[in-house]
Structure formats: C-alpha cells, structure tokens
Amino acid sequence: MSLATPRNPTPPARGDARVALLDAALALVRRSGWTATSVEQLCRAAGVTKGAFFHQFESKEALGVAAAQ
C-alpha cells in the first residue's frame, strides 16, 4: 500500500515522518484551526500512517507542542 496522496505525491523518506507531520500540522492548523484538524487529516497531508503518527507523538496535543516550538 502506497502512502502517496494527491497533496503529497511521494511518501516521506524513512525517518522523515516527524518533519512531515510538523509541516502538515502548521499548514492545516493555519488553514482550519486546531480543533477542526484531525489526526487523520494530519496523517493524510503528511503521507504517513496513524501508526507512524503515534510512533512520533504521544497525542495530537504533543504534536501541537512540538509544532509550537
């Protein structure tokens, strides 16, 4: 199963999931707001699985803290 999406034609290189998720968080939250942005949307925009998300971050809130830093 490919992780490529229309927004992200190729999945991130191995080890780049954290950076891809942080970039996706900044873009999506700026556009839609924190509450309206779901983990599923973040994963789709970053081109990663939910497993990869939770490997990198304990929660959506933990991603938010990392993105704010």
PDB file of N, CA and C in Angstrom:
ATOM      1  N   MET A   1       0.840  -1.181   0.000  1.00  0.00           N
ATOM      2  CA  MET A   1       0.000   0.000   0.000  1.00  0.00           C
ATOM      3  C   MET A   1       0.883   1.242   0.000  1.00  0.00           C
ATOM      4  N   SER A   2       0.666   2.119  -0.927  1.00  0.00           N
ATOM      5  CA  SER A   2       1.447   3.341  -1.044  1.00  0.00           C
ATOM      6  C   SER A   2       0.873   4.413  -0.122  1.00  0.00           C
ATOM      7  N   LEU A   3       1.749   5.227   0.403  1.00  0.00           N
ATOM      8  CA  LEU A   3       1.317   6.326   1.256  1.00  0.00           C
ATOM      9  C   LEU A   3       1.186   7.620   0.470  1.00  0.00           C
ATOM     10  N   ALA A   4       1.368   7.547  -0.835  1.00  0.00           N
ATOM     11  CA  ALA A   4       1.273   8.750  -1.656  1.00  0.00           C
ATOM     12  C   ALA A   4      -0.166   9.255  -1.676  1.00  0.00           C
ATOM     13  N   THR A   5      -0.318  10.564  -1.701  1.00  0.00           N
ATOM     14  CA  THR A   5      -1.620  11.206  -1.762  1.00  0.00           C
ATOM     15  C   THR A   5      -1.570  12.288  -2.830  1.00  0.00           C
ATOM     16  N   PRO A   6      -2.705  12.808  -3.258  1.00  0.00           N
ATOM     17  CA  PRO A   6      -2.684  13.878  -4.249  1.00  0.00           C
ATOM     18  C   PRO A   6      -1.878  15.093  -3.791  1.00  0.00           C
ATOM     19  N   ARG A   7      -1.926  15.403  -2.516  1.00  0.00           N
ATOM     20  CA  ARG A   7      -1.179  16.555  -1.993  1.00  0.00           C
ATOM     21  C   ARG A   7       0.288  16.217  -1.817  1.00  0.00           C
ATOM     22  N   ASN A   8       0.568  14.968  -1.601  1.00  0.00           N
ATOM     23  CA  ASN A   8       1.912  14.515  -1.293  1.00  0.00           C
ATOM     24  C   ASN A   8       2.208  13.337  -2.214  1.00  0.00           C
ATOM     25  N   PRO A   9       2.660  13.585  -3.458  1.00  0.00           N
ATOM     26  CA  PRO A   9       2.763  12.518  -4.449  1.00  0.00           C
ATOM     27  C   PRO A   9       3.697  11.377  -4.058  1.00  0.00           C
ATOM     28  N   THR A  10       4.642  11.620  -3.209  1.00  0.00           N
ATOM     29  CA  THR A  10       5.508  10.535  -2.747  1.00  0.00           C
ATOM     30  C   THR A  10       5.536  10.559  -1.229  1.00  0.00           C
ATOM     31  N   PRO A  11       5.573   9.405  -0.606  1.00  0.00           N
ATOM     32  CA  PRO A  11       5.624   9.378   0.856  1.00  0.00           C
ATOM     33  C   PRO A  11       6.954   9.941   1.342  1.00  0.00           C
ATOM     34  N   PRO A  12       7.013  10.429   2.573  1.00  0.00           N
ATOM     35  CA  PRO A  12       8.268  10.961   3.091  1.00  0.00           C
ATOM     36  C   PRO A  12       9.322   9.855   3.176  1.00  0.00           C
ATOM     37  N   ALA A  13      10.561  10.248   3.037  1.00  0.00           N
ATOM     38  CA  ALA A  13      11.652   9.283   3.180  1.00  0.00           C
ATOM     39  C   ALA A  13      11.642   8.717   4.591  1.00  0.00           C
ATOM     40  N   ARG A  14      12.106   7.502   4.714  1.00  0.00           N
ATOM     41  CA  ARG A  14      12.136   6.855   6.023  1.00  0.00           C
ATOM     42  C   ARG A  14      12.861   7.761   7.017  1.00  0.00           C
ATOM     43  N   GLY A  15      12.254   7.975   8.168  1.00  0.00           N
ATOM     44  CA  GLY A  15      12.846   8.830   9.186  1.00  0.00           C
ATOM     45  C   GLY A  15      12.380  10.280   9.106  1.00  0.00           C
ATOM     46  N   ASP A  16      11.660  10.626   8.034  1.00  0.00           N
ATOM     47  CA  ASP A  16      11.196  11.996   7.876  1.00  0.00           C
ATOM     48  C   ASP A  16       9.740  12.183   8.289  1.00  0.00           C
ATOM     49  N   ALA A  17       9.121  11.176   8.871  1.00  0.00           N
ATOM     50  CA  ALA A  17       7.709  11.271   9.254  1.00  0.00           C
ATOM     51  C   ALA A  17       7.483  12.402  10.245  1.00  0.00           C
ATOM     52  N   ARG A  18       8.371  12.577  11.192  1.00  0.00           N
ATOM     53  CA  ARG A  18       8.212  13.629  12.199  1.00  0.00           C
ATOM     54  C   ARG A  18       8.179  15.006  11.531  1.00  0.00           C
ATOM     55  N   VAL A  19       9.118  15.247  10.631  1.00  0.00           N
ATOM     56  CA  VAL A  19       9.183  16.532   9.936  1.00  0.00           C
ATOM     57  C   VAL A  19       7.939  16.726   9.068  1.00  0.00           C
ATOM     58  N   ALA A  20       7.530  15.679   8.364  1.00  0.00           N
ATOM     59  CA  ALA A  20       6.342  15.769   7.513  1.00  0.00           C
ATOM     60  C   ALA A  20       5.100  16.082   8.348  1.00  0.00           C
ATOM     61  N   LEU A  21       4.979  15.469   9.510  1.00  0.00           N
ATOM     62  CA  LEU A  21       3.833  15.723  10.382  1.00  0.00           C
ATOM     63  C   LEU A  21       3.855  17.150  10.933  1.00  0.00           C
ATOM     64  N   LEU A  22       5.021  17.630  11.312  1.00  0.00           N
ATOM     65  CA  LEU A  22       5.124  19.001  11.811  1.00  0.00           C
ATOM     66  C   LEU A  22       4.757  20.001  10.717  1.00  0.00           C
ATOM     67  N   ASP A  23       5.248  19.780   9.506  1.00  0.00           N
ATOM     68  CA  ASP A  23       4.909  20.654   8.383  1.00  0.00           C
ATOM     69  C   ASP A  23       3.412  20.624   8.103  1.00  0.00           C
ATOM     70  N   ALA A  24       2.838  19.427   8.113  1.00  0.00           N
ATOM     71  CA  ALA A  24       1.407  19.283   7.871  1.00  0.00           C
ATOM     72  C   ALA A  24       0.603  19.989   8.963  1.00  0.00           C
ATOM     73  N   ALA A  25       1.043  19.862  10.205  1.00  0.00           N
ATOM     74  CA  ALA A  25       0.336  20.499  11.317  1.00  0.00           C
ATOM     75  C   ALA A  25       0.310  22.010  11.137  1.00  0.00           C
ATOM     76  N   LEU A  26       1.438  22.587  10.805  1.00  0.00           N
ATOM     77  CA  LEU A  26       1.483  24.039  10.630  1.00  0.00           C
ATOM     78  C   LEU A  26       0.545  24.489   9.517  1.00  0.00           C
ATOM     79  N   ALA A  27       0.566  23.786   8.402  1.00  0.00           N
ATOM     80  CA  ALA A  27      -0.278  24.171   7.262  1.00  0.00           C
ATOM     81  C   ALA A  27      -1.762  23.997   7.571  1.00  0.00           C
ATOM     82  N   LEU A  28      -2.135  22.831   8.098  1.00  0.00           N
ATOM     83  CA  LEU A  28      -3.553  22.553   8.340  1.00  0.00           C
ATOM     84  C   LEU A  28      -4.135  23.409   9.461  1.00  0.00           C
ATOM     85  N   VAL A  29      -3.389  23.601  10.520  1.00  0.00           N
ATOM     86  CA  VAL A  29      -3.902  24.385  11.648  1.00  0.00           C
ATOM     87  C   VAL A  29      -4.058  25.846  11.243  1.00  0.00           C
ATOM     88  N   ARG A  30      -3.134  26.348  10.444  1.00  0.00           N
ATOM     89  CA  ARG A  30      -3.277  27.725   9.963  1.00  0.00           C
ATOM     90  C   ARG A  30      -4.527  27.883   9.106  1.00  0.00           C
ATOM     91  N   ARG A  31      -4.825  26.857   8.318  1.00  0.00           N
ATOM     92  CA  ARG A  31      -5.961  26.938   7.406  1.00  0.00           C
ATOM     93  C   ARG A  31      -7.294  26.657   8.112  1.00  0.00           C
ATOM     94  N   SER A  32      -7.338  25.622   8.956  1.00  0.00           N
ATOM     95  CA  SER A  32      -8.622  25.165   9.506  1.00  0.00           C
ATOM     96  C   SER A  32      -8.778  25.377  11.001  1.00  0.00           C
ATOM     97  N   GLY A  33      -7.698  25.635  11.714  1.00  0.00           N
ATOM     98  CA  GLY A  33      -7.760  25.760  13.162  1.00  0.00           C
ATOM     99  C   GLY A  33      -7.437  24.443  13.846  1.00  0.00           C
ATOM    100  N   TRP A  34      -7.040  24.521  15.096  1.00  0.00           N
ATOM    101  CA  TRP A  34      -6.604  23.343  15.850  1.00  0.00           C
ATOM    102  C   TRP A  34      -7.722  22.324  16.040  1.00  0.00           C
ATOM    103  N   THR A  35      -8.860  22.781  16.491  1.00  0.00           N
ATOM    104  CA  THR A  35      -9.969  21.885  16.796  1.00  0.00           C
ATOM    105  C   THR A  35     -10.489  21.175  15.555  1.00  0.00           C
ATOM    106  N   ALA A  36     -10.499  21.866  14.436  1.00  0.00           N
ATOM    107  CA  ALA A  36     -11.033  21.288  13.195  1.00  0.00           C
ATOM    108  C   ALA A  36     -10.043  20.366  12.487  1.00  0.00           C
ATOM    109  N   THR A  37      -8.814  20.300  12.960  1.00  0.00           N
ATOM    110  CA  THR A  37      -7.797  19.458  12.324  1.00  0.00           C
ATOM    111  C   THR A  37      -7.712  18.128  13.067  1.00  0.00           C
ATOM    112  N   SER A  38      -7.920  17.038  12.348  1.00  0.00           N
ATOM    113  CA  SER A  38      -7.885  15.706  12.972  1.00  0.00           C
ATOM    114  C   SER A  38      -6.546  15.015  12.720  1.00  0.00           C
ATOM    115  N   VAL A  39      -6.289  14.014  13.510  1.00  0.00           N
ATOM    116  CA  VAL A  39      -5.088  13.195  13.314  1.00  0.00           C
ATOM    117  C   VAL A  39      -5.131  12.553  11.931  1.00  0.00           C
ATOM    118  N   GLU A  40      -6.294  12.120  11.505  1.00  0.00           N
ATOM    119  CA  GLU A  40      -6.429  11.508  10.177  1.00  0.00           C
ATOM    120  C   GLU A  40      -6.033  12.500   9.083  1.00  0.00           C
ATOM    121  N   GLN A  41      -6.487  13.744   9.207  1.00  0.00           N
ATOM    122  CA  GLN A  41      -6.122  14.768   8.219  1.00  0.00           C
ATOM    123  C   GLN A  41      -4.618  15.034   8.233  1.00  0.00           C
ATOM    124  N   LEU A  42      -4.054  15.097   9.416  1.00  0.00           N
ATOM    125  CA  LEU A  42      -2.612  15.321   9.542  1.00  0.00           C
ATOM    126  C   LEU A  42      -1.825  14.206   8.866  1.00  0.00           C
ATOM    127  N   CYS A  43      -2.238  12.977   9.119  1.00  0.00           N
ATOM    128  CA  CYS A  43      -1.557  11.823   8.523  1.00  0.00           C
ATOM    129  C   CYS A  43      -1.678  11.837   7.004  1.00  0.00           C
ATOM    130  N   ARG A  44      -2.869  12.125   6.524  1.00  0.00           N
ATOM    131  CA  ARG A  44      -3.103  12.164   5.070  1.00  0.00           C
ATOM    132  C   ARG A  44      -2.226  13.233   4.427  1.00  0.00           C
ATOM    133  N   ALA A  45      -2.194  14.430   5.015  1.00  0.00           N
ATOM    134  CA  ALA A  45      -1.410  15.530   4.455  1.00  0.00           C
ATOM    135  C   ALA A  45       0.087  15.244   4.509  1.00  0.00           C
ATOM    136  N   ALA A  46       0.524  14.537   5.549  1.00  0.00           N
ATOM    137  CA  ALA A  46       1.946  14.220   5.696  1.00  0.00           C
ATOM    138  C   ALA A  46       2.346  12.980   4.905  1.00  0.00           C
ATOM    139  N   GLY A  47       1.355  12.200   4.474  1.00  0.00           N
ATOM    140  CA  GLY A  47       1.649  10.974   3.739  1.00  0.00           C
ATOM    141  C   GLY A  47       2.185   9.867   4.623  1.00  0.00           C
ATOM    142  N   VAL A  48       1.682   9.819   5.864  1.00  0.00           N
ATOM    143  CA  VAL A  48       2.119   8.782   6.807  1.00  0.00           C
ATOM    144  C   VAL A  48       0.904   8.055   7.382  1.00  0.00           C
ATOM    145  N   THR A  49       1.143   6.929   8.001  1.00  0.00           N
ATOM    146  CA  THR A  49       0.084   6.163   8.642  1.00  0.00           C
ATOM    147  C   THR A  49      -0.173   6.689  10.054  1.00  0.00           C
ATOM    148  N   LYS A  50      -1.317   6.300  10.625  1.00  0.00           N
ATOM    149  CA  LYS A  50      -1.585   6.665  12.021  1.00  0.00           C
ATOM    150  C   LYS A  50      -0.566   6.012  12.946  1.00  0.00           C
ATOM    151  N   GLY A  51      -0.103   4.826  12.571  1.00  0.00           N
ATOM    152  CA  GLY A  51       0.940   4.169  13.366  1.00  0.00           C
ATOM    153  C   GLY A  51       2.202   5.008  13.418  1.00  0.00           C
ATOM    154  N   ALA A  52       2.574   5.588  12.277  1.00  0.00           N
ATOM    155  CA  ALA A  52       3.755   6.454  12.230  1.00  0.00           C
ATOM    156  C   ALA A  52       3.529   7.703  13.078  1.00  0.00           C
ATOM    157  N   PHE A  53       2.302   8.230  13.029  1.00  0.00           N
ATOM    158  CA  PHE A  53       1.972   9.400  13.850  1.00  0.00           C
ATOM    159  C   PHE A  53       2.231   9.086  15.322  1.00  0.00           C
ATOM    160  N   PHE A  54       1.632   7.990  15.789  1.00  0.00           N
ATOM    161  CA  PHE A  54       1.735   7.674  17.212  1.00  0.00           C
ATOM    162  C   PHE A  54       3.105   7.128  17.598  1.00  0.00           C
ATOM    163  N   HIS A  55       3.908   6.757  16.634  1.00  0.00           N
ATOM    164  CA  HIS A  55       5.307   6.411  16.912  1.00  0.00           C
ATOM    165  C   HIS A  55       6.095   7.691  17.212  1.00  0.00           C
ATOM    166  N   GLN A  56       5.728   8.765  16.533  1.00  0.00           N
ATOM    167  CA  GLN A  56       6.446  10.034  16.687  1.00  0.00           C
ATOM    168  C   GLN A  56       5.900  10.898  17.822  1.00  0.00           C
ATOM    169  N   PHE A  57       4.587  10.864  18.022  1.00  0.00           N
ATOM    170  CA  PHE A  57       3.942  11.739  19.001  1.00  0.00           C
ATOM    171  C   PHE A  57       2.955  10.948  19.835  1.00  0.00           C
ATOM    172  N   GLU A  58       2.920  11.216  21.121  1.00  0.00           N
ATOM    173  CA  GLU A  58       2.012  10.515  22.031  1.00  0.00           C
ATOM    174  C   GLU A  58       0.557  10.870  21.760  1.00  0.00           C
ATOM    175  N   SER A  59       0.320  12.096  21.276  1.00  0.00           N
ATOM    176  CA  SER A  59      -1.043  12.568  21.055  1.00  0.00           C
ATOM    177  C   SER A  59      -1.020  13.747  20.094  1.00  0.00           C
ATOM    178  N   LYS A  60      -2.201  14.178  19.692  1.00  0.00           N
ATOM    179  CA  LYS A  60      -2.317  15.372  18.861  1.00  0.00           C
ATOM    180  C   LYS A  60      -1.770  16.581  19.625  1.00  0.00           C
ATOM    181  N   GLU A  61      -2.025  16.621  20.917  1.00  0.00           N
ATOM    182  CA  GLU A  61      -1.541  17.718  21.744  1.00  0.00           C
ATOM    183  C   GLU A  61      -0.014  17.752  21.778  1.00  0.00           C
ATOM    184  N   ALA A  62       0.616  16.587  21.833  1.00  0.00           N
ATOM    185  CA  ALA A  62       2.085  16.516  21.833  1.00  0.00           C
ATOM    186  C   ALA A  62       2.632  17.044  20.500  1.00  0.00           C
ATOM    187  N   LEU A  63       1.958  16.746  19.421  1.00  0.00           N
ATOM    188  CA  LEU A  63       2.343  17.296  18.116  1.00  0.00           C
ATOM    189  C   LEU A  63       2.197  18.814  18.144  1.00  0.00           C
ATOM    190  N   GLY A  64       1.114  19.306  18.714  1.00  0.00           N
ATOM    191  CA  GLY A  64       0.900  20.747  18.801  1.00  0.00           C
ATOM    192  C   GLY A  64       1.999  21.451  19.576  1.00  0.00           C
ATOM    193  N   VAL A  65       2.428  20.869  20.678  1.00  0.00           N
ATOM    194  CA  VAL A  65       3.518  21.446  21.471  1.00  0.00           C
ATOM    195  C   VAL A  65       4.802  21.475  20.651  1.00  0.00           C
ATOM    196  N   ALA A  66       5.101  20.368  19.968  1.00  0.00           N
ATOM    197  CA  ALA A  66       6.311  20.294  19.143  1.00  0.00           C
ATOM    198  C   ALA A  66       6.254  21.303  17.999  1.00  0.00           C
ATOM    199  N   ALA A  67       5.099  21.459  17.391  1.00  0.00           N
ATOM    200  CA  ALA A  67       4.956  22.403  16.279  1.00  0.00           C
ATOM    201  C   ALA A  67       5.106  23.846  16.764  1.00  0.00           C
ATOM    202  N   ALA A  68       4.635  24.128  17.965  1.00  0.00           N
ATOM    203  CA  ALA A  68       4.742  25.475  18.518  1.00  0.00           C
ATOM    204  C   ALA A  68       6.195  25.837  18.867  1.00  0.00           C
ATOM    205  N   GLN A  69       6.992  24.827  19.127  1.00  0.00           N
ATOM    206  CA  GLN A  69       8.399  25.077  19.474  1.00  0.00           C
ATOM    207  C   GLN A  69       9.158  25.361  18.223  1.00  0.00           C
TER     208      GLN A  69
END
